[in-house]
Amino acid sequence: MPRSDFYGELTMRQGRIRSAVTSGAIGAAAMLAMLTAAPRPAIAATSHVKGEVISIMCYEGHGKEGTGKAHLSCATSCAKKGYALGILTTEGTVYQIAGPLTADNSATLQPFLSTSVTATGDVTEKDGKKTIAIANLSDIAAAK
């Protein structure tokens, strides 16, 4: 093999190796970017939340007038229709109630509507909305 052919073939091999290494590096960088940019599941933190059990539909539609004993019949009607219930804190934060207590249109929670409670459970936040999966619920007035 003439010397010029040898160097030409060597240069072609080096070019293919560089191309393979570059492609591999680009692929690895793309994979790393996808893994770091992928949405992560919300991490739950067990917390105690105190506030009034409300119909979120009533609160969003009527504001403060959508809460309290004066609005109990409407809140109960909304709960029976399957609208989500939540806990409204004195600071104005709403935690949507999730988990087993929401079964059967929140039938277990309906007696607590318009009542101040302390809920213990896993709190998560996604897109600015807080959720609590209640593990324990107590009526503040009944506990006194």
N, C-alpha and C. Protein backbone atom coordinates (compact mmCIF):
# COMPACT_ATOMS: atom_id res chain seq x y z
N MET A 1 0.85 -1.17 0.00
CA MET A 1 0.00 0.00 0.00
C MET A 1 0.89 1.23 0.00
N PRO A 2 0.65 2.11 -0.94
CA PRO A 2 1.47 3.34 -0.98
C PRO A 2 1.24 4.17 0.27
N ARG A 3 2.24 4.92 0.60
CA ARG A 3 2.21 5.73 1.81
C ARG A 3 1.04 6.72 1.82
N SER A 4 0.73 7.34 0.73
CA SER A 4 -0.36 8.33 0.66
C SER A 4 -1.72 7.67 0.92
N ASP A 5 -1.92 6.44 0.44
CA ASP A 5 -3.18 5.73 0.70
C ASP A 5 -3.31 5.39 2.18
N PHE A 6 -2.18 5.01 2.79
CA PHE A 6 -2.21 4.67 4.20
C PHE A 6 -2.65 5.87 5.05
N TYR A 7 -2.06 7.03 4.78
CA TYR A 7 -2.44 8.23 5.55
C TYR A 7 -3.87 8.67 5.23
N GLY A 8 -4.30 8.49 4.01
CA GLY A 8 -5.68 8.84 3.64
C GLY A 8 -6.67 7.95 4.37
N GLU A 9 -6.38 6.66 4.44
CA GLU A 9 -7.26 5.72 5.15
C GLU A 9 -7.24 6.01 6.64
N LEU A 10 -6.08 6.33 7.20
CA LEU A 10 -5.96 6.65 8.61
C LEU A 10 -6.78 7.90 8.94
N THR A 11 -6.71 8.90 8.09
CA THR A 11 -7.46 10.13 8.30
C THR A 11 -8.95 9.85 8.24
N MET A 12 -9.39 8.98 7.33
CA MET A 12 -10.81 8.64 7.24
C MET A 12 -11.26 7.92 8.51
N ARG A 13 -10.45 7.00 9.01
CA ARG A 13 -10.80 6.29 10.25
C ARG A 13 -10.89 7.26 11.43
N GLN A 14 -9.95 8.16 11.51
CA GLN A 14 -9.96 9.14 12.59
C GLN A 14 -11.23 10.01 12.51
N GLY A 15 -11.61 10.35 11.28
CA GLY A 15 -12.83 11.15 11.08
C GLY A 15 -14.06 10.39 11.54
N ARG A 16 -14.12 9.09 11.23
CA ARG A 16 -15.26 8.28 11.66
C ARG A 16 -15.29 8.14 13.18
N ILE A 17 -14.14 7.97 13.78
CA ILE A 17 -14.06 7.86 15.24
C ILE A 17 -14.50 9.16 15.89
N ARG A 18 -14.00 10.30 15.37
CA ARG A 18 -14.42 11.59 15.91
C ARG A 18 -15.92 11.77 15.77
N SER A 19 -16.45 11.37 14.64
CA SER A 19 -17.89 11.49 14.41
C SER A 19 -18.68 10.63 15.39
N ALA A 20 -18.23 9.43 15.64
CA ALA A 20 -18.92 8.54 16.58
C ALA A 20 -18.84 9.09 18.01
N VAL A 21 -17.67 9.59 18.39
CA VAL A 21 -17.51 10.15 19.73
C VAL A 21 -18.39 11.39 19.89
N THR A 22 -18.40 12.24 18.87
CA THR A 22 -19.22 13.45 18.92
C THR A 22 -20.70 13.09 19.00
N SER A 23 -21.13 12.13 18.20
CA SER A 23 -22.54 11.71 18.24
C SER A 23 -22.90 11.15 19.61
N GLY A 24 -22.01 10.36 20.17
CA GLY A 24 -22.26 9.80 21.50
C GLY A 24 -22.34 10.88 22.56
N ALA A 25 -21.46 11.86 22.47
CA ALA A 25 -21.47 12.95 23.44
C ALA A 25 -22.74 13.79 23.31
N ILE A 26 -23.16 14.05 22.10
CA ILE A 26 -24.40 14.80 21.89
C ILE A 26 -25.59 14.02 22.41
N GLY A 27 -25.61 12.72 22.16
CA GLY A 27 -26.70 11.88 22.66
C GLY A 27 -26.75 11.86 24.18
N ALA A 28 -25.58 11.75 24.81
CA ALA A 28 -25.52 11.75 26.28
C ALA A 28 -25.98 13.09 26.84
N ALA A 29 -25.58 14.18 26.20
CA ALA A 29 -25.99 15.51 26.66
C ALA A 29 -27.50 15.68 26.51
N ALA A 30 -28.05 15.19 25.41
CA ALA A 30 -29.51 15.29 25.21
C ALA A 30 -30.25 14.48 26.26
N MET A 31 -29.75 13.28 26.57
CA MET A 31 -30.38 12.44 27.58
C MET A 31 -30.32 13.11 28.94
N LEU A 32 -29.19 13.69 29.29
CA LEU A 32 -29.05 14.39 30.56
C LEU A 32 -30.00 15.58 30.63
N ALA A 33 -30.13 16.31 29.55
CA ALA A 33 -31.05 17.45 29.52
C ALA A 33 -32.49 17.00 29.71
N MET A 34 -32.87 15.89 29.09
CA MET A 34 -34.24 15.39 29.24
C MET A 34 -34.49 14.93 30.67
N LEU A 35 -33.53 14.29 31.28
CA LEU A 35 -33.71 13.80 32.65
C LEU A 35 -33.81 14.94 33.65
N THR A 36 -33.03 15.97 33.46
CA THR A 36 -33.07 17.08 34.41
C THR A 36 -34.26 18.00 34.17
N ALA A 37 -34.79 18.03 32.96
CA ALA A 37 -35.93 18.90 32.66
C ALA A 37 -37.27 18.19 32.88
N ALA A 38 -37.26 16.89 33.07
CA ALA A 38 -38.50 16.14 33.25
C ALA A 38 -39.20 16.60 34.52
N PRO A 39 -40.54 16.72 34.48
CA PRO A 39 -41.24 17.14 35.68
C PRO A 39 -41.10 16.08 36.78
N ARG A 40 -40.88 16.57 37.96
CA ARG A 40 -40.73 15.67 39.09
C ARG A 40 -42.05 15.62 39.85
N PRO A 41 -42.39 14.47 40.41
CA PRO A 41 -43.62 14.39 41.19
C PRO A 41 -43.49 15.23 42.45
N ALA A 42 -44.61 15.79 42.87
CA ALA A 42 -44.61 16.58 44.09
C ALA A 42 -44.27 15.68 45.27
N ILE A 43 -43.44 16.19 46.16
CA ILE A 43 -43.06 15.43 47.34
C ILE A 43 -44.00 15.83 48.47
N ALA A 44 -44.63 14.84 49.05
CA ALA A 44 -45.59 15.10 50.12
C ALA A 44 -44.87 15.30 51.44
N ALA A 45 -45.38 16.25 52.21
CA ALA A 45 -44.87 16.49 53.56
C ALA A 45 -46.04 16.43 54.51
N THR A 46 -45.93 15.62 55.56
CA THR A 46 -47.01 15.51 56.52
C THR A 46 -47.12 16.83 57.30
N SER A 47 -48.33 17.38 57.34
CA SER A 47 -48.56 18.67 57.99
C SER A 47 -49.88 18.65 58.73
N HIS A 48 -50.05 19.65 59.59
CA HIS A 48 -51.31 19.91 60.27
C HIS A 48 -51.89 21.18 59.67
N VAL A 49 -53.13 21.10 59.22
CA VAL A 49 -53.78 22.26 58.61
C VAL A 49 -55.04 22.55 59.42
N LYS A 50 -55.17 23.80 59.86
CA LYS A 50 -56.36 24.22 60.60
C LYS A 50 -57.15 25.19 59.74
N GLY A 51 -58.47 24.98 59.73
CA GLY A 51 -59.32 25.89 58.98
C GLY A 51 -60.73 25.35 58.86
N GLU A 52 -61.50 26.01 58.02
CA GLU A 52 -62.90 25.65 57.81
C GLU A 52 -63.05 24.75 56.59
N VAL A 53 -63.84 23.70 56.73
CA VAL A 53 -64.12 22.83 55.58
C VAL A 53 -65.13 23.57 54.70
N ILE A 54 -64.77 23.72 53.43
CA ILE A 54 -65.58 24.49 52.49
C ILE A 54 -65.80 23.71 51.20
N SER A 55 -66.79 24.16 50.44
CA SER A 55 -66.92 23.72 49.06
C SER A 55 -66.06 24.69 48.25
N ILE A 56 -65.10 24.16 47.53
CA ILE A 56 -64.21 25.02 46.75
C ILE A 56 -65.01 25.78 45.69
N MET A 57 -66.02 25.14 45.11
CA MET A 57 -66.87 25.79 44.11
C MET A 57 -67.55 27.02 44.71
N CYS A 58 -68.10 26.88 45.90
CA CYS A 58 -68.78 28.00 46.56
C CYS A 58 -67.80 29.13 46.86
N TYR A 59 -66.62 28.77 47.36
CA TYR A 59 -65.63 29.78 47.72
C TYR A 59 -65.12 30.51 46.49
N GLU A 60 -64.85 29.78 45.42
CA GLU A 60 -64.37 30.43 44.20
C GLU A 60 -65.45 31.29 43.55
N GLY A 61 -66.71 30.88 43.69
CA GLY A 61 -67.80 31.62 43.07
C GLY A 61 -68.31 32.80 43.88
N HIS A 62 -68.22 32.70 45.21
CA HIS A 62 -68.82 33.72 46.07
C HIS A 62 -67.81 34.39 47.00
N GLY A 63 -66.59 33.96 47.01
CA GLY A 63 -65.59 34.53 47.91
C GLY A 63 -65.93 34.21 49.36
N LYS A 64 -65.67 35.15 50.24
CA LYS A 64 -65.89 34.95 51.69
C LYS A 64 -67.36 34.62 51.98
N GLU A 65 -68.29 35.14 51.15
CA GLU A 65 -69.71 34.83 51.36
C GLU A 65 -70.03 33.36 51.07
N GLY A 66 -69.13 32.65 50.42
CA GLY A 66 -69.31 31.22 50.12
C GLY A 66 -68.83 30.32 51.23
N THR A 67 -68.65 30.89 52.42
CA THR A 67 -68.17 30.11 53.57
C THR A 67 -69.11 30.32 54.75
N GLY A 68 -68.86 29.61 55.82
CA GLY A 68 -69.60 29.80 57.06
C GLY A 68 -70.94 29.10 57.09
N LYS A 69 -71.57 29.16 58.27
CA LYS A 69 -72.87 28.50 58.49
C LYS A 69 -73.96 29.05 57.58
N ALA A 70 -73.89 30.32 57.22
CA ALA A 70 -74.91 30.92 56.36
C ALA A 70 -74.91 30.30 54.97
N HIS A 71 -73.80 29.69 54.59
CA HIS A 71 -73.69 29.11 53.25
C HIS A 71 -73.69 27.58 53.29
N LEU A 72 -74.03 27.01 54.42
CA LEU A 72 -73.95 25.56 54.62
C LEU A 72 -74.82 24.77 53.65
N SER A 73 -76.07 25.21 53.42
CA SER A 73 -76.96 24.42 52.54
C SER A 73 -76.44 24.38 51.11
N CYS A 74 -75.90 25.50 50.63
CA CYS A 74 -75.34 25.53 49.27
C CYS A 74 -74.09 24.65 49.20
N ALA A 75 -73.22 24.75 50.22
CA ALA A 75 -71.99 23.94 50.24
C ALA A 75 -72.31 22.45 50.27
N THR A 76 -73.33 22.08 51.04
CA THR A 76 -73.74 20.68 51.12
C THR A 76 -74.28 20.21 49.77
N SER A 77 -75.08 21.06 49.12
CA SER A 77 -75.61 20.73 47.80
C SER A 77 -74.47 20.53 46.79
N CYS A 78 -73.48 21.41 46.82
CA CYS A 78 -72.33 21.28 45.91
C CYS A 78 -71.56 19.99 46.20
N ALA A 79 -71.38 19.67 47.48
CA ALA A 79 -70.65 18.45 47.84
C ALA A 79 -71.39 17.22 47.33
N LYS A 80 -72.70 17.22 47.47
CA LYS A 80 -73.50 16.07 47.01
C LYS A 80 -73.43 15.91 45.49
N LYS A 81 -73.17 17.00 44.78
CA LYS A 81 -73.03 16.95 43.32
C LYS A 81 -71.62 16.53 42.90
N GLY A 82 -70.74 16.39 43.89
CA GLY A 82 -69.39 15.92 43.58
C GLY A 82 -68.33 17.00 43.46
N TYR A 83 -68.68 18.24 43.78
CA TYR A 83 -67.67 19.30 43.73
C TYR A 83 -66.67 19.10 44.87
N ALA A 84 -65.44 19.49 44.61
CA ALA A 84 -64.35 19.28 45.57
C ALA A 84 -64.54 20.09 46.84
N LEU A 85 -64.11 19.50 47.95
CA LEU A 85 -64.10 20.19 49.23
C LEU A 85 -62.67 20.55 49.57
N GLY A 86 -62.54 21.54 50.44
CA GLY A 86 -61.21 21.97 50.84
C GLY A 86 -61.22 22.50 52.25
N ILE A 87 -60.06 22.90 52.70
CA ILE A 87 -59.91 23.55 54.00
C ILE A 87 -59.37 24.94 53.74
N LEU A 88 -60.11 25.94 54.24
CA LEU A 88 -59.73 27.34 54.10
C LEU A 88 -59.10 27.78 55.42
N THR A 89 -57.82 28.15 55.38
CA THR A 89 -57.14 28.59 56.59
C THR A 89 -57.48 30.05 56.88
N THR A 90 -57.18 30.50 58.09
CA THR A 90 -57.43 31.90 58.44
C THR A 90 -56.56 32.84 57.61
N GLU A 91 -55.47 32.33 57.05
CA GLU A 91 -54.60 33.14 56.18
C GLU A 91 -55.14 33.24 54.76
N GLY A 92 -56.21 32.49 54.47
CA GLY A 92 -56.80 32.52 53.13
C GLY A 92 -56.28 31.47 52.17
N THR A 93 -55.50 30.53 52.66
CA THR A 93 -54.97 29.44 51.82
C THR A 93 -56.01 28.32 51.76
N VAL A 94 -56.24 27.81 50.55
CA VAL A 94 -57.17 26.70 50.36
C VAL A 94 -56.37 25.44 50.06
N TYR A 95 -56.67 24.38 50.82
CA TYR A 95 -56.09 23.07 50.59
C TYR A 95 -57.20 22.16 50.09
N GLN A 96 -57.11 21.71 48.85
CA GLN A 96 -58.12 20.78 48.34
C GLN A 96 -57.92 19.44 49.02
N ILE A 97 -59.03 18.85 49.46
CA ILE A 97 -58.96 17.56 50.15
C ILE A 97 -58.93 16.44 49.12
N ALA A 98 -57.99 15.52 49.33
CA ALA A 98 -57.83 14.38 48.42
C ALA A 98 -57.81 13.11 49.26
N GLY A 99 -57.87 11.98 48.58
CA GLY A 99 -57.75 10.70 49.26
C GLY A 99 -59.08 10.03 49.53
N PRO A 100 -59.06 9.01 50.36
CA PRO A 100 -60.24 8.18 50.61
C PRO A 100 -61.45 8.93 51.16
N LEU A 101 -61.22 10.02 51.90
CA LEU A 101 -62.35 10.76 52.47
C LEU A 101 -63.21 11.46 51.41
N THR A 102 -62.71 11.52 50.19
CA THR A 102 -63.48 12.17 49.13
C THR A 102 -64.39 11.18 48.39
N ALA A 103 -64.34 9.91 48.77
CA ALA A 103 -65.18 8.89 48.12
C ALA A 103 -66.66 9.20 48.33
N ASP A 104 -67.47 8.76 47.40
CA ASP A 104 -68.93 8.92 47.48
C ASP A 104 -69.31 10.38 47.69
N ASN A 105 -68.77 11.25 46.83
CA ASN A 105 -69.03 12.69 46.90
C ASN A 105 -68.72 13.27 48.28
N SER A 106 -67.62 12.82 48.85
CA SER A 106 -67.15 13.31 50.15
C SER A 106 -68.18 13.13 51.27
N ALA A 107 -68.93 12.03 51.23
CA ALA A 107 -69.99 11.77 52.22
C ALA A 107 -69.45 11.83 53.66
N THR A 108 -68.25 11.34 53.89
CA THR A 108 -67.67 11.37 55.23
C THR A 108 -67.35 12.79 55.66
N LEU A 109 -67.03 13.66 54.71
CA LEU A 109 -66.65 15.04 55.03
C LEU A 109 -67.84 15.98 55.13
N GLN A 110 -68.96 15.64 54.52
CA GLN A 110 -70.10 16.56 54.49
C GLN A 110 -70.54 17.04 55.87
N PRO A 111 -70.56 16.20 56.92
CA PRO A 111 -70.95 16.71 58.24
C PRO A 111 -69.98 17.77 58.79
N PHE A 112 -68.77 17.85 58.23
CA PHE A 112 -67.78 18.83 58.69
C PHE A 112 -67.85 20.16 57.93
N LEU A 113 -68.70 20.26 56.91
CA LEU A 113 -68.81 21.51 56.15
C LEU A 113 -69.12 22.67 57.10
N SER A 114 -68.49 23.79 56.87
CA SER A 114 -68.64 25.02 57.65
C SER A 114 -68.17 24.85 59.09
N THR A 115 -67.35 23.85 59.34
CA THR A 115 -66.83 23.58 60.68
C THR A 115 -65.33 23.81 60.68
N SER A 116 -64.81 24.34 61.78
CA SER A 116 -63.36 24.49 61.94
C SER A 116 -62.77 23.15 62.35
N VAL A 117 -61.75 22.74 61.63
CA VAL A 117 -61.14 21.44 61.85
C VAL A 117 -59.62 21.55 61.88
N THR A 118 -59.01 20.51 62.37
CA THR A 118 -57.57 20.32 62.23
C THR A 118 -57.40 19.03 61.43
N ALA A 119 -56.72 19.14 60.32
CA ALA A 119 -56.47 17.97 59.46
C ALA A 119 -54.98 17.67 59.48
N THR A 120 -54.66 16.40 59.57
CA THR A 120 -53.28 15.95 59.49
C THR A 120 -53.19 15.05 58.28
N GLY A 121 -52.20 15.32 57.46
CA GLY A 121 -52.03 14.49 56.27
C GLY A 121 -50.90 14.97 55.41
N ASP A 122 -50.76 14.32 54.27
CA ASP A 122 -49.69 14.65 53.33
C ASP A 122 -50.12 15.82 52.46
N VAL A 123 -49.33 16.88 52.50
CA VAL A 123 -49.61 18.08 51.72
C VAL A 123 -48.68 18.13 50.53
N THR A 124 -49.26 18.38 49.37
CA THR A 124 -48.48 18.57 48.15
C THR A 124 -48.90 19.86 47.50
N GLU A 125 -48.06 20.36 46.60
CA GLU A 125 -48.40 21.57 45.86
C GLU A 125 -47.99 21.37 44.41
N LYS A 126 -48.90 21.70 43.51
CA LYS A 126 -48.63 21.60 42.09
C LYS A 126 -49.32 22.76 41.40
N ASP A 127 -48.57 23.47 40.59
CA ASP A 127 -49.09 24.62 39.85
C ASP A 127 -49.76 25.63 40.78
N GLY A 128 -49.21 25.80 41.97
CA GLY A 128 -49.72 26.78 42.91
C GLY A 128 -50.93 26.33 43.71
N LYS A 129 -51.42 25.10 43.49
CA LYS A 129 -52.58 24.60 44.23
C LYS A 129 -52.12 23.59 45.26
N LYS A 130 -52.58 23.77 46.49
CA LYS A 130 -52.21 22.87 47.58
C LYS A 130 -53.28 21.80 47.75
N THR A 131 -52.82 20.60 48.06
CA THR A 131 -53.71 19.47 48.29
C THR A 131 -53.30 18.77 49.57
N ILE A 132 -54.29 18.28 50.31
CA ILE A 132 -53.99 17.49 51.51
C ILE A 132 -54.74 16.17 51.44
N ALA A 133 -53.99 15.09 51.58
CA ALA A 133 -54.57 13.74 51.67
C ALA A 133 -54.69 13.47 53.16
N ILE A 134 -55.89 13.62 53.68
CA ILE A 134 -56.11 13.59 55.12
C ILE A 134 -55.98 12.18 55.69
N ALA A 135 -55.15 12.07 56.74
CA ALA A 135 -55.01 10.84 57.48
C ALA A 135 -55.82 10.89 58.77
N ASN A 136 -55.98 12.13 59.32
CA ASN A 136 -56.71 12.32 60.57
C ASN A 136 -57.40 13.67 60.51
N LEU A 137 -58.67 13.70 60.93
CA LEU A 137 -59.46 14.92 60.91
C LEU A 137 -60.18 15.07 62.24
N SER A 138 -60.06 16.25 62.86
CA SER A 138 -60.76 16.45 64.12
C SER A 138 -61.47 17.80 64.12
N ASP A 139 -62.66 17.80 64.69
CA ASP A 139 -63.49 18.99 64.83
C ASP A 139 -62.92 19.77 66.02
N ILE A 140 -62.51 21.01 65.77
CA ILE A 140 -61.88 21.80 66.84
C ILE A 140 -62.85 22.05 67.98
N ALA A 141 -64.10 22.40 67.69
CA ALA A 141 -65.08 22.69 68.74
C ALA A 141 -65.37 21.44 69.58
N ALA A 142 -65.49 20.29 68.94
CA ALA A 142 -65.79 19.05 69.66
C ALA A 142 -64.61 18.61 70.53
N ALA A 143 -63.40 19.00 70.14
CA ALA A 143 -62.21 18.60 70.88
C ALA A 143 -62.03 19.41 72.16
N LYS A 144 -62.71 20.56 72.26
CA LYS A 144 -62.55 21.43 73.45
C LYS A 144 -63.32 20.93 74.62
